[in-house]
Protein backbone atom coordinates (compact mmCIF):
# COMPACT_ATOMS: atom_id res chain seq x y z
CA MET A 1 -22.86 13.75 -31.79
CA LYS A 2 -20.10 16.25 -30.94
CA PRO A 3 -20.23 18.16 -27.66
CA ASP A 4 -20.60 21.88 -28.30
CA ASN A 5 -18.31 24.55 -26.89
CA LYS A 6 -20.79 25.49 -24.14
CA THR A 7 -20.79 21.91 -22.84
CA LYS A 8 -16.98 21.76 -22.94
CA ALA A 9 -16.74 25.10 -21.12
CA PHE A 10 -19.27 23.96 -18.50
CA VAL A 11 -17.36 20.72 -17.87
CA ALA A 12 -14.04 22.58 -17.71
CA LYS A 13 -15.41 25.18 -15.26
CA THR A 14 -17.02 22.47 -13.13
CA LEU A 15 -13.76 20.49 -12.92
CA GLU A 16 -11.82 23.67 -12.21
CA SER A 17 -14.26 24.59 -9.42
CA ILE A 18 -13.99 21.11 -7.89
CA LEU A 19 -10.18 21.32 -7.95
CA VAL A 20 -10.21 24.80 -6.42
CA ILE A 21 -12.60 23.78 -3.65
CA GLY A 22 -10.50 20.66 -2.97
CA PHE A 23 -7.34 22.75 -2.82
CA ILE A 24 -8.93 25.30 -0.49
CA LEU A 25 -10.25 22.55 1.78
CA PHE A 26 -6.81 20.92 1.83
CA GLU A 27 -5.17 24.26 2.55
CA GLU A 28 -7.62 25.20 5.30
CA LEU A 29 -7.99 21.80 6.98
CA ILE A 30 -4.77 19.89 6.44
CA TRP A 31 -2.13 22.59 6.00
CA ASN A 32 -3.39 25.33 8.33
CA VAL A 33 -4.72 23.05 11.08
CA PHE A 34 -2.13 20.26 11.14
CA ALA A 35 0.93 20.57 8.90
CA GLN A 36 1.85 24.21 9.41
CA PRO A 37 1.80 24.01 13.24
CA ILE A 38 3.94 20.85 13.09
CA PHE A 39 6.31 22.58 10.66
CA HIS A 40 6.68 25.54 13.06
CA TYR A 41 7.10 23.11 15.96
CA PHE A 42 10.00 21.43 14.14
CA LYS A 43 11.61 24.83 13.56
CA ARG A 44 11.56 25.55 17.32
CA LEU A 45 12.73 22.16 18.60
CA ILE A 46 16.02 22.43 20.42
CA VAL A 47 16.47 18.67 20.11
CA LEU A 48 16.85 19.13 16.36
CA ASP A 49 19.77 21.60 16.70
CA SER A 50 22.38 18.86 16.28
CA LEU A 51 20.39 17.43 13.39
CA LYS A 52 20.25 20.91 11.84
CA GLN A 53 24.02 21.13 11.94
CA THR A 54 24.32 17.65 10.45
CA PHE A 55 22.09 18.60 7.52
CA LEU A 56 23.80 21.96 7.02
CA GLN A 57 27.24 20.34 6.92
CA MET A 58 26.17 17.37 4.79
CA ASN A 59 27.53 16.81 1.29
CA ARG A 60 25.01 18.29 -1.13
CA HIS A 61 24.53 15.01 -3.03
CA LEU A 62 23.89 13.07 0.17
CA LEU A 63 21.56 15.85 1.35
CA LEU A 64 19.63 15.64 -1.92
CA THR A 65 19.36 11.87 -1.54
CA VAL A 66 18.05 12.17 2.04
CA PHE A 67 15.61 14.92 1.03
CA ILE A 68 14.25 12.98 -1.95
CA PHE A 69 13.96 9.79 0.12
CA ILE A 70 11.92 11.53 2.83
CA LEU A 71 9.81 13.29 0.20
CA LEU A 72 9.12 9.98 -1.57
CA VAL A 73 8.15 8.34 1.74
CA ALA A 74 5.68 11.19 2.42
CA GLU A 75 4.21 10.95 -1.09
CA ALA A 76 3.98 7.15 -0.91
CA MET A 77 2.10 7.50 2.37
CA GLY A 78 -0.31 9.89 0.65
CA PHE A 79 -0.93 7.41 -2.17
CA LEU A 80 -1.33 4.58 0.35
CA ALA A 81 -3.86 6.65 2.31
CA GLY A 82 -5.76 7.37 -0.91
CA TYR A 83 -5.71 3.68 -1.82
CA CYS A 84 -7.05 2.79 1.63
CA PHE A 85 -9.89 5.31 1.19
CA ILE A 86 -10.75 3.94 -2.26
CA GLU A 87 -10.75 0.37 -0.94
CA GLY A 88 -13.05 1.37 1.93
CA TYR A 89 -10.51 1.18 4.76
CA PHE A 90 -11.30 4.66 6.03
CA ILE A 91 -9.77 4.34 9.50
CA THR A 92 -6.54 2.94 8.06
CA GLY A 93 -6.50 5.72 5.46
CA ILE A 94 -6.97 8.36 8.14
CA LEU A 95 -4.22 6.82 10.28
CA VAL A 96 -1.77 6.60 7.37
CA TYR A 97 -2.53 10.19 6.37
CA GLY A 98 -2.20 11.25 10.01
CA VAL A 99 1.30 9.78 10.08
CA LYS A 100 2.08 11.34 6.69
CA ILE A 101 1.47 14.87 7.98
CA PRO A 102 4.48 14.98 10.36
CA VAL A 103 6.68 13.31 7.72
CA ALA A 104 5.63 15.93 5.17
CA ALA A 105 6.14 18.72 7.73
CA PHE A 106 9.64 17.37 8.41
CA THR A 107 10.28 17.42 4.66
CA PHE A 108 9.18 21.09 4.51
CA TRP A 109 11.41 21.85 7.49
CA LEU A 110 14.39 20.14 5.85
CA PHE A 111 13.79 21.97 2.57
CA ASP A 112 13.43 25.30 4.37
CA LEU A 113 16.62 24.66 6.34
CA THR A 114 18.75 23.53 3.39
CA ARG A 115 17.15 25.44 0.51
CA SER A 116 20.38 27.20 -0.49
CA GLN A 117 22.24 23.87 -0.71
CA LEU A 118 19.44 22.09 -2.56
CA MET A 119 19.01 24.94 -5.05
CA THR A 120 22.58 24.40 -6.24
CA PHE A 121 21.11 21.60 -8.37
CA SER A 122 19.87 23.48 -11.43
CA TRP A 123 17.24 20.87 -12.32
CA LEU A 124 15.77 21.06 -8.80
CA LYS A 125 15.82 24.86 -8.87
CA THR A 126 14.07 24.86 -12.26
CA ALA A 127 11.46 22.34 -11.06
CA TYR A 128 10.89 24.32 -7.85
CA GLU A 129 10.47 27.62 -9.70
CA TRP A 130 8.09 26.00 -12.20
CA ILE A 131 5.96 24.45 -9.44
CA MET A 132 5.86 27.74 -7.52
CA GLY A 133 4.86 29.54 -10.74
CA VAL A 134 2.01 27.09 -11.35
CA ILE A 135 0.84 27.46 -7.74
CA ASP A 136 1.04 31.25 -8.03
CA LYS A 137 -1.04 31.23 -11.25
CA PHE A 138 -3.55 28.92 -9.56
CA LEU A 139 -3.81 31.09 -6.44
CA ASN A 140 -4.31 34.21 -8.57
CA SER A 141 -6.83 32.65 -10.95
CA ALA A 142 -10.24 34.29 -11.02
CA ILE A 143 -12.04 31.11 -9.92
CA HIS A 144 -9.73 30.61 -6.91
CA VAL A 145 -10.02 34.24 -5.82
CA TYR A 146 -13.83 34.11 -6.17
CA ILE A 147 -14.32 30.82 -4.31
CA LYS A 148 -11.83 31.78 -1.59
CA ALA A 149 -13.66 35.09 -1.07
CA ARG A 150 -17.01 33.27 -0.81
CA ILE A 151 -15.61 30.76 1.69
CA MET A 152 -14.08 33.54 3.78
CA ALA A 153 -17.42 35.41 3.76
CA ILE A 154 -19.21 32.24 4.91
CA ARG A 155 -16.59 31.65 7.61
CA GLN A 156 -16.96 35.24 8.82
CA ARG A 157 -20.76 34.88 8.94
CA ILE A 158 -20.47 31.66 10.96
CA ARG A 159 -18.12 33.39 13.40
CA GLN A 160 -20.61 36.27 13.76
CA ILE A 161 -23.42 33.81 14.49
CA ILE A 162 -21.28 31.97 17.06
CA ARG A 163 -20.36 35.27 18.76
CA GLN A 164 -23.99 36.38 18.67
CA TYR A 165 -25.29 33.21 20.35
CA PHE A 166 -22.34 32.12 22.47
CA GLY A 167 -20.45 35.35 23.17
CA GLU A 168 -16.84 36.21 22.50
CA ALA A 169 -15.56 33.08 24.24
CA GLY A 170 -17.31 30.83 21.71
CA PHE A 171 -19.29 27.61 21.68
CA ILE A 172 -16.88 25.43 23.70
CA ALA A 173 -16.64 28.00 26.51
CA SER A 174 -20.44 28.27 26.54
CA VAL A 175 -20.78 24.48 26.85
CA LYS A 176 -18.20 24.42 29.66
CA ALA A 177 -20.01 27.20 31.51
CA HIS A 178 -23.32 25.37 31.21
CA TYR A 179 -21.64 22.16 32.37
CA GLN A 180 -20.22 23.89 35.44
CA ALA A 181 -23.57 25.50 36.22
CA PHE A 182 -25.62 22.31 35.92
CA LYS A 183 -23.08 19.82 37.30
CA PRO A 184 -24.01 20.28 40.99
CA TYR A 185 -27.71 19.80 40.27
CA VAL A 186 -27.18 16.71 38.16
CA ALA A 187 -24.75 15.26 40.71
CA ARG A 188 -27.33 15.69 43.48
CA PHE A 189 -29.97 14.04 41.34
CA PHE A 190 -27.88 10.85 40.93
CA LYS A 191 -26.88 10.53 44.60
């Protein structure tokens, strides 16, 4: 029995939706919360100024080798973390992925710093432009735009609820204020 076109379309849309949601979760949780702040931290580090000059003055072939090595280490750590998750070693997987994030952020920093040198390799420039084109098509796809808009609406609603019940300062500030208010009474009770 052959699957009909409606079944194929349903499966394709379901897989596409799962990929989009996974990408958005990765973008919101991993990139925005962890990797991007580390990346910006690397850009501001004064300690790395001498390293910056070393990379900028490095032979382009050696620079490419260093960049690819660090990139491969970051990707290998990602695969190792995934393997740990699949095998049920969740804590190890989280730790490996936690270490991967600064390595990946360093790779982004190095690429950002030496982009003009690395783009002198035509194959790398072609691969980079192709990947960025695929990402751009993905980010502008109807399903991504729709799901992202829904997630942003949900996030905004959650923020409104938090402000409504906990004020502008938010939940954590509300908990701290309650802690400070009740601490003397609880302390007296246990004396």
